[in-house]
PDB file of N, CA and C in Angstrom:
ATOM      1  N   MET A   1      -8.288   5.567 -25.772  1.00  0.00           N
ATOM      2  CA  MET A   1      -7.677   6.618 -25.023  1.00  0.00           C
ATOM      3  C   MET A   1      -8.527   7.391 -24.216  1.00  0.00           C
ATOM      4  N   SER A   2      -8.672   7.093 -22.526  1.00  0.00           N
ATOM      5  CA  SER A   2      -9.675   7.479 -21.560  1.00  0.00           C
ATOM      6  C   SER A   2      -9.108   8.889 -21.591  1.00  0.00           C
ATOM      7  N   ARG A   3     -10.373   9.383 -21.247  1.00  0.00           N
ATOM      8  CA  ARG A   3     -10.387  11.264 -20.808  1.00  0.00           C
ATOM      9  C   ARG A   3     -10.338  11.582 -19.320  1.00  0.00           C
ATOM     10  N   GLN A   4      -9.373  12.439 -18.874  1.00  0.00           N
ATOM     11  CA  GLN A   4      -8.721  12.569 -17.592  1.00  0.00           C
ATOM     12  C   GLN A   4      -9.816  13.896 -17.481  1.00  0.00           C
ATOM     13  N   PRO A   5     -10.091  13.658 -16.191  1.00  0.00           N
ATOM     14  CA  PRO A   5     -11.171  14.842 -15.771  1.00  0.00           C
ATOM     15  C   PRO A   5     -10.166  16.373 -15.795  1.00  0.00           C
ATOM     16  N   ALA A   6     -10.998  17.119 -15.894  1.00  0.00           N
ATOM     17  CA  ALA A   6      -9.997  18.602 -16.438  1.00  0.00           C
ATOM     18  C   ALA A   6      -9.249  18.607 -15.049  1.00  0.00           C
ATOM     19  N   PHE A   7      -9.271  18.560 -13.832  1.00  0.00           N
ATOM     20  CA  PHE A   7      -7.837  18.772 -12.824  1.00  0.00           C
ATOM     21  C   PHE A   7      -7.693  17.103 -12.453  1.00  0.00           C
ATOM     22  N   TYR A   8      -6.311  16.874 -13.015  1.00  0.00           N
ATOM     23  CA  TYR A   8      -6.398  15.766 -12.360  1.00  0.00           C
ATOM     24  C   TYR A   8      -5.022  15.861 -11.394  1.00  0.00           C
ATOM     25  N   GLN A   9      -4.802  15.285 -10.442  1.00  0.00           N
ATOM     26  CA  GLN A   9      -3.526  14.833  -9.774  1.00  0.00           C
ATOM     27  C   GLN A   9      -3.066  13.653  -9.685  1.00  0.00           C
ATOM     28  N   PRO A  10      -2.033  13.100 -10.712  1.00  0.00           N
ATOM     29  CA  PRO A  10      -1.401  11.540 -10.307  1.00  0.00           C
ATOM     30  C   PRO A  10      -1.157  11.383  -8.919  1.00  0.00           C
ATOM     31  N   ARG A  11      -1.654   9.989  -8.397  1.00  0.00           N
ATOM     32  CA  ARG A  11      -1.428   9.327  -7.312  1.00  0.00           C
ATOM     33  C   ARG A  11      -0.572   7.983  -7.605  1.00  0.00           C
ATOM     34  N   HIS A  12       0.946   8.437  -6.476  1.00  0.00           N
ATOM     35  CA  HIS A  12       1.816   7.447  -6.922  1.00  0.00           C
ATOM     36  C   HIS A  12       1.770   6.461  -5.502  1.00  0.00           C
ATOM     37  N   VAL A  13       1.249   5.161  -5.580  1.00  0.00           N
ATOM     38  CA  VAL A  13       1.562   4.453  -4.395  1.00  0.00           C
ATOM     39  C   VAL A  13       2.543   3.340  -3.916  1.00  0.00           C
ATOM     40  N   VAL A  14       3.701   3.246  -3.237  1.00  0.00           N
ATOM     41  CA  VAL A  14       5.089   2.966  -2.809  1.00  0.00           C
ATOM     42  C   VAL A  14       4.650   2.144  -1.500  1.00  0.00           C
ATOM     43  N   ILE A  15       5.146   0.856  -2.371  1.00  0.00           N
ATOM     44  CA  ILE A  15       4.573  -0.397  -1.711  1.00  0.00           C
ATOM     45  C   ILE A  15       6.351  -1.013  -0.870  1.00  0.00           C
ATOM     46  N   LEU A  16       6.403  -0.597   0.405  1.00  0.00           N
ATOM     47  CA  LEU A  16       7.754  -0.960   1.247  1.00  0.00           C
ATOM     48  C   LEU A  16       7.800  -2.200   1.840  1.00  0.00           C
ATOM     49  N   ALA A  17       8.832  -3.067   1.294  1.00  0.00           N
ATOM     50  CA  ALA A  17       8.629  -4.450   2.088  1.00  0.00           C
ATOM     51  C   ALA A  17       9.872  -4.643   2.566  1.00  0.00           C
ATOM     52  N   HIS A  18      10.909  -3.827   3.535  1.00  0.00           N
ATOM     53  CA  HIS A  18      11.646  -4.060   4.518  1.00  0.00           C
ATOM     54  C   HIS A  18      11.578  -4.150   5.825  1.00  0.00           C
ATOM     55  N   PRO A  19      12.011  -4.939   6.616  1.00  0.00           N
ATOM     56  CA  PRO A  19      12.425  -4.625   8.348  1.00  0.00           C
ATOM     57  C   PRO A  19      12.521  -3.663   8.657  1.00  0.00           C
ATOM     58  N   ASN A  20      13.599  -2.908   8.251  1.00  0.00           N
ATOM     59  CA  ASN A  20      14.435  -1.525   8.529  1.00  0.00           C
ATOM     60  C   ASN A  20      13.770  -0.198   7.535  1.00  0.00           C
ATOM     61  N   PRO A  21      13.507   0.353   8.364  1.00  0.00           N
ATOM     62  CA  PRO A  21      12.922   1.837   7.691  1.00  0.00           C
ATOM     63  C   PRO A  21      13.933   2.184   6.864  1.00  0.00           C
ATOM     64  N   GLY A  22      15.080   2.369   7.659  1.00  0.00           N
ATOM     65  CA  GLY A  22      15.968   3.416   7.674  1.00  0.00           C
ATOM     66  C   GLY A  22      16.760   2.156   6.758  1.00  0.00           C
ATOM     67  N   SER A  23      16.629   1.515   5.783  1.00  0.00           N
ATOM     68  CA  SER A  23      17.699   0.712   4.521  1.00  0.00           C
ATOM     69  C   SER A  23      17.817   1.460   3.463  1.00  0.00           C
ATOM     70  N   PHE A  24      18.276   0.912   2.653  1.00  0.00           N
ATOM     71  CA  PHE A  24      18.641   1.780   0.803  1.00  0.00           C
ATOM     72  C   PHE A  24      17.104   1.633   0.803  1.00  0.00           C
ATOM     73  N   ASN A  25      16.266   0.243   0.596  1.00  0.00           N
ATOM     74  CA  ASN A  25      15.023   0.226   0.013  1.00  0.00           C
ATOM     75  C   ASN A  25      13.983   1.387   0.467  1.00  0.00           C
ATOM     76  N   GLY A  26      14.258   1.858   1.914  1.00  0.00           N
ATOM     77  CA  GLY A  26      13.338   3.083   2.671  1.00  0.00           C
ATOM     78  C   GLY A  26      14.254   4.279   2.407  1.00  0.00           C
ATOM     79  N   LEU A  27      15.516   4.135   2.273  1.00  0.00           N
ATOM     80  CA  LEU A  27      16.070   5.620   1.436  1.00  0.00           C
ATOM     81  C   LEU A  27      15.209   5.585   0.110  1.00  0.00           C
ATOM     82  N   VAL A  28      15.815   4.712  -0.635  1.00  0.00           N
ATOM     83  CA  VAL A  28      14.643   5.047  -2.486  1.00  0.00           C
ATOM     84  C   VAL A  28      13.180   5.323  -1.926  1.00  0.00           C
ATOM     85  N   ALA A  29      12.687   4.783  -1.142  1.00  0.00           N
ATOM     86  CA  ALA A  29      11.488   4.873  -1.616  1.00  0.00           C
ATOM     87  C   ALA A  29      11.068   6.632  -0.550  1.00  0.00           C
ATOM     88  N   ASP A  30      11.718   6.813   0.325  1.00  0.00           N
ATOM     89  CA  ASP A  30      11.556   8.231   0.566  1.00  0.00           C
ATOM     90  C   ASP A  30      12.303   9.371  -0.302  1.00  0.00           C
ATOM     91  N   ALA A  31      12.743   9.019  -1.087  1.00  0.00           N
ATOM     92  CA  ALA A  31      13.348  10.088  -1.711  1.00  0.00           C
ATOM     93  C   ALA A  31      12.382   9.527  -3.318  1.00  0.00           C
ATOM     94  N   TYR A  32      12.133   9.245  -3.335  1.00  0.00           N
ATOM     95  CA  TYR A  32      10.855   9.293  -4.687  1.00  0.00           C
ATOM     96  C   TYR A  32       9.570   9.771  -4.216  1.00  0.00           C
ATOM     97  N   CYS A  33       9.381   9.537  -3.138  1.00  0.00           N
ATOM     98  CA  CYS A  33       8.000  10.371  -2.516  1.00  0.00           C
ATOM     99  C   CYS A  33       8.734  11.417  -2.228  1.00  0.00           C
ATOM    100  N   ASP A  34       9.639  11.696  -2.358  1.00  0.00           N
ATOM    101  CA  ASP A  34       9.952  13.690  -1.794  1.00  0.00           C
ATOM    102  C   ASP A  34      10.202  14.138  -3.294  1.00  0.00           C
ATOM    103  N   ALA A  35      10.280  13.484  -4.303  1.00  0.00           N
ATOM    104  CA  ALA A  35      10.488  13.977  -5.745  1.00  0.00           C
ATOM    105  C   ALA A  35       8.745  14.144  -6.385  1.00  0.00           C
ATOM    106  N   VAL A  36       8.214  13.465  -6.343  1.00  0.00           N
ATOM    107  CA  VAL A  36       7.209  13.228  -6.420  1.00  0.00           C
ATOM    108  C   VAL A  36       5.889  14.479  -5.773  1.00  0.00           C
ATOM    109  N   ARG A  37       6.223  14.306  -4.660  1.00  0.00           N
ATOM    110  CA  ARG A  37       5.649  15.745  -4.115  1.00  0.00           C
ATOM    111  C   ARG A  37       6.334  17.163  -4.397  1.00  0.00           C
ATOM    112  N   THR A  38       6.993  17.392  -4.807  1.00  0.00           N
ATOM    113  CA  THR A  38       8.125  18.406  -5.209  1.00  0.00           C
ATOM    114  C   THR A  38       7.159  18.842  -6.576  1.00  0.00           C
ATOM    115  N   CYS A  39       7.152  17.853  -7.065  1.00  0.00           N
ATOM    116  CA  CYS A  39       6.094  17.655  -8.656  1.00  0.00           C
ATOM    117  C   CYS A  39       4.678  17.940  -8.355  1.00  0.00           C
ATOM    118  N   GLY A  40       4.049  18.782  -6.912  1.00  0.00           N
ATOM    119  CA  GLY A  40       3.240  18.375  -7.200  1.00  0.00           C
ATOM    120  C   GLY A  40       2.107  17.383  -7.025  1.00  0.00           C
ATOM    121  N   GLN A  41       2.491  16.416  -6.823  1.00  0.00           N
ATOM    122  CA  GLN A  41       1.896  15.069  -6.661  1.00  0.00           C
ATOM    123  C   GLN A  41       1.353  14.119  -5.758  1.00  0.00           C
ATOM    124  N   GLU A  42       0.409  13.332  -5.285  1.00  0.00           N
ATOM    125  CA  GLU A  42       0.375  12.670  -3.801  1.00  0.00           C
ATOM    126  C   GLU A  42       1.542  11.000  -4.142  1.00  0.00           C
ATOM    127  N   ALA A  43       1.836  11.573  -3.113  1.00  0.00           N
ATOM    128  CA  ALA A  43       2.544   9.763  -2.474  1.00  0.00           C
ATOM    129  C   ALA A  43       2.073   9.104  -1.483  1.00  0.00           C
ATOM    130  N   ILE A  44       1.734   7.731  -1.809  1.00  0.00           N
ATOM    131  CA  ILE A  44       1.228   7.036  -0.503  1.00  0.00           C
ATOM    132  C   ILE A  44       2.821   5.993   0.249  1.00  0.00           C
ATOM    133  N   VAL A  45       2.740   6.162   0.640  1.00  0.00           N
ATOM    134  CA  VAL A  45       3.378   4.538   1.061  1.00  0.00           C
ATOM    135  C   VAL A  45       2.564   4.038   2.019  1.00  0.00           C
ATOM    136  N   ARG A  46       2.957   2.545   1.851  1.00  0.00           N
ATOM    137  CA  ARG A  46       2.182   1.278   2.096  1.00  0.00           C
ATOM    138  C   ARG A  46       3.570   0.369   2.805  1.00  0.00           C
ATOM    139  N   ASP A  47       4.328   0.800   4.400  1.00  0.00           N
ATOM    140  CA  ASP A  47       4.966  -0.290   4.901  1.00  0.00           C
ATOM    141  C   ASP A  47       4.564  -1.269   5.310  1.00  0.00           C
ATOM    142  N   LEU A  48       4.742  -2.498   4.584  1.00  0.00           N
ATOM    143  CA  LEU A  48       4.061  -4.051   5.042  1.00  0.00           C
ATOM    144  C   LEU A  48       4.483  -4.505   6.113  1.00  0.00           C
ATOM    145  N   TYR A  49       5.842  -4.306   6.650  1.00  0.00           N
ATOM    146  CA  TYR A  49       6.148  -4.667   7.758  1.00  0.00           C
ATOM    147  C   TYR A  49       5.697  -3.259   8.948  1.00  0.00           C
ATOM    148  N   ALA A  50       5.650  -2.569   9.099  1.00  0.00           N
ATOM    149  CA  ALA A  50       4.645  -1.862  10.102  1.00  0.00           C
ATOM    150  C   ALA A  50       3.163  -1.940  10.233  1.00  0.00           C
ATOM    151  N   LEU A  51       2.519  -2.660   9.008  1.00  0.00           N
ATOM    152  CA  LEU A  51       1.300  -2.757   8.957  1.00  0.00           C
ATOM    153  C   LEU A  51       1.123  -4.247   9.276  1.00  0.00           C
ATOM    154  N   GLY A  52       2.007  -5.135   9.606  1.00  0.00           N
ATOM    155  CA  GLY A  52       2.067  -6.573  10.406  1.00  0.00           C
ATOM    156  C   GLY A  52       1.651  -7.497   9.045  1.00  0.00           C
ATOM    157  N   PHE A  53       1.664  -7.349   7.743  1.00  0.00           N
ATOM    158  CA  PHE A  53       1.653  -8.075   6.828  1.00  0.00           C
ATOM    159  C   PHE A  53       2.231  -9.107   7.004  1.00  0.00           C
ATOM    160  N   ASP A  54       1.469 -10.084   6.889  1.00  0.00           N
ATOM    161  CA  ASP A  54       1.852 -11.346   6.627  1.00  0.00           C
ATOM    162  C   ASP A  54       1.525 -12.358   5.530  1.00  0.00           C
ATOM    163  N   PRO A  55       2.572 -12.245   4.881  1.00  0.00           N
ATOM    164  CA  PRO A  55       2.548 -12.784   3.013  1.00  0.00           C
ATOM    165  C   PRO A  55       2.223 -14.337   2.992  1.00  0.00           C
ATOM    166  N   ALA A  56       2.227 -15.051   4.129  1.00  0.00           N
ATOM    167  CA  ALA A  56       1.660 -16.599   3.472  1.00  0.00           C
ATOM    168  C   ALA A  56       0.722 -17.045   4.195  1.00  0.00           C
ATOM    169  N   LEU A  57      -0.392 -17.405   2.879  1.00  0.00           N
ATOM    170  CA  LEU A  57      -1.650 -17.676   2.850  1.00  0.00           C
ATOM    171  C   LEU A  57      -1.846 -19.017   4.197  1.00  0.00           C
ATOM    172  N   LYS A  58      -2.562 -18.850   4.927  1.00  0.00           N
ATOM    173  CA  LYS A  58      -2.998 -19.696   6.073  1.00  0.00           C
ATOM    174  C   LYS A  58      -4.067 -20.744   5.320  1.00  0.00           C
ATOM    175  N   ASP A  59      -4.420 -22.042   5.333  1.00  0.00           N
ATOM    176  CA  ASP A  59      -4.916 -23.008   5.038  1.00  0.00           C
ATOM    177  C   ASP A  59      -6.378 -22.725   5.326  1.00  0.00           C
ATOM    178  N   HIS A  60      -6.611 -22.247   6.849  1.00  0.00           N
ATOM    179  CA  HIS A  60      -7.686 -21.382   7.304  1.00  0.00           C
ATOM    180  C   HIS A  60      -8.665 -20.305   6.456  1.00  0.00           C
ATOM    181  N   GLU A  61      -7.481 -19.447   6.038  1.00  0.00           N
ATOM    182  CA  GLU A  61      -7.812 -18.080   5.725  1.00  0.00           C
ATOM    183  C   GLU A  61      -8.299 -18.310   4.098  1.00  0.00           C
ATOM    184  N   ARG A  62      -8.459 -19.702   3.385  1.00  0.00           N
ATOM    185  CA  ARG A  62      -9.045 -19.549   2.368  1.00  0.00           C
ATOM    186  C   ARG A  62     -10.077 -19.667   2.078  1.00  0.00           C
ATOM    187  N   PRO A  63     -11.095 -19.217   0.952  1.00  0.00           N
ATOM    188  CA  PRO A  63     -12.209 -19.270   1.319  1.00  0.00           C
ATOM    189  C   PRO A  63     -13.232 -20.897   1.034  1.00  0.00           C
ATOM    190  N   GLY A  64     -14.242 -21.253   1.690  1.00  0.00           N
ATOM    191  CA  GLY A  64     -14.666 -22.538   1.180  1.00  0.00           C
ATOM    192  C   GLY A  64     -13.937 -23.475   2.268  1.00  0.00           C
ATOM    193  N   ARG A  65     -13.292 -23.043   2.959  1.00  0.00           N
ATOM    194  CA  ARG A  65     -12.318 -23.653   3.944  1.00  0.00           C
ATOM    195  C   ARG A  65     -13.286 -23.715   5.752  1.00  0.00           C
ATOM    196  N   PRO A  66     -13.591 -24.643   6.452  1.00  0.00           N
ATOM    197  CA  PRO A  66     -14.327 -24.818   7.426  1.00  0.00           C
ATOM    198  C   PRO A  66     -13.673 -23.456   8.427  1.00  0.00           C
ATOM    199  N   GLY A  67     -14.564 -22.766   9.103  1.00  0.00           N
ATOM    200  CA  GLY A  67     -14.053 -21.594   9.614  1.00  0.00           C
ATOM    201  C   GLY A  67     -13.559 -20.511   9.170  1.00  0.00           C
ATOM    202  N   PHE A  68     -14.149 -20.360   7.441  1.00  0.00           N
ATOM    203  CA  PHE A  68     -13.034 -18.887   7.147  1.00  0.00           C
ATOM    204  C   PHE A  68     -14.156 -17.643   7.478  1.00  0.00           C
ATOM    205  N   ALA A  69     -13.862 -16.922   7.389  1.00  0.00           N
ATOM    206  CA  ALA A  69     -14.397 -15.683   7.625  1.00  0.00           C
ATOM    207  C   ALA A  69     -13.602 -14.062   7.436  1.00  0.00           C
ATOM    208  N   LEU A  70     -14.116 -13.687   5.978  1.00  0.00           N
ATOM    209  CA  LEU A  70     -13.632 -12.522   6.126  1.00  0.00           C
ATOM    210  C   LEU A  70     -13.685 -11.170   7.070  1.00  0.00           C
ATOM    211  N   LYS A  71     -12.259 -10.930   7.402  1.00  0.00           N
ATOM    212  CA  LYS A  71     -11.656  -9.926   8.434  1.00  0.00           C
ATOM    213  C   LYS A  71     -11.277  -8.682   7.435  1.00  0.00           C
ATOM    214  N   THR A  72     -11.616  -7.507   8.090  1.00  0.00           N
ATOM    215  CA  THR A  72     -11.588  -6.322   7.557  1.00  0.00           C
ATOM    216  C   THR A  72     -11.210  -5.422   8.936  1.00  0.00           C
ATOM    217  N   SER A  73     -10.483  -4.377   8.840  1.00  0.00           N
ATOM    218  CA  SER A  73     -10.023  -3.449   9.849  1.00  0.00           C
ATOM    219  C   SER A  73     -10.690  -2.636   9.810  1.00  0.00           C
ATOM    220  N   ARG A  74     -11.209  -2.502   8.366  1.00  0.00           N
ATOM    221  CA  ARG A  74     -11.760  -0.947   7.798  1.00  0.00           C
ATOM    222  C   ARG A  74     -13.287  -1.094   8.475  1.00  0.00           C
ATOM    223  N   PRO A  75     -13.603  -0.058   8.534  1.00  0.00           N
ATOM    224  CA  PRO A  75     -15.209  -0.319   8.940  1.00  0.00           C
ATOM    225  C   PRO A  75     -15.718  -0.216   7.523  1.00  0.00           C
ATOM    226  N   SER A  76     -17.534  -0.696   7.748  1.00  0.00           N
ATOM    227  CA  SER A  76     -18.526  -0.836   6.863  1.00  0.00           C
ATOM    228  C   SER A  76     -18.573   0.402   5.724  1.00  0.00           C
ATOM    229  N   MET A  77     -18.733   0.436   4.568  1.00  0.00           N
ATOM    230  CA  MET A  77     -18.569   1.222   3.300  1.00  0.00           C
ATOM    231  C   MET A  77     -20.400   1.917   3.615  1.00  0.00           C
ATOM    232  N   ARG A  78     -21.062   1.113   4.456  1.00  0.00           N
ATOM    233  CA  ARG A  78     -22.447   1.469   4.356  1.00  0.00           C
ATOM    234  C   ARG A  78     -23.392   2.466   5.037  1.00  0.00           C
TER     235      ARG A  78
END
């Protein structure tokens, strides 16, 4: 069993993947996050459609293929 730090705040990550944020899925995600926050915990929502996430892996995006380059929108952590 792992030991938790003296102050431990659970973090919930909700992944939403629906084109309409007002859909039933969006409302369930909102209700869940509201309940989590009411309990004093952290809720993080990642809306894949809002982020422009494309789940289809292209051949040129595979490591080892000609032209492959790792792209990130986050700045380097160095």
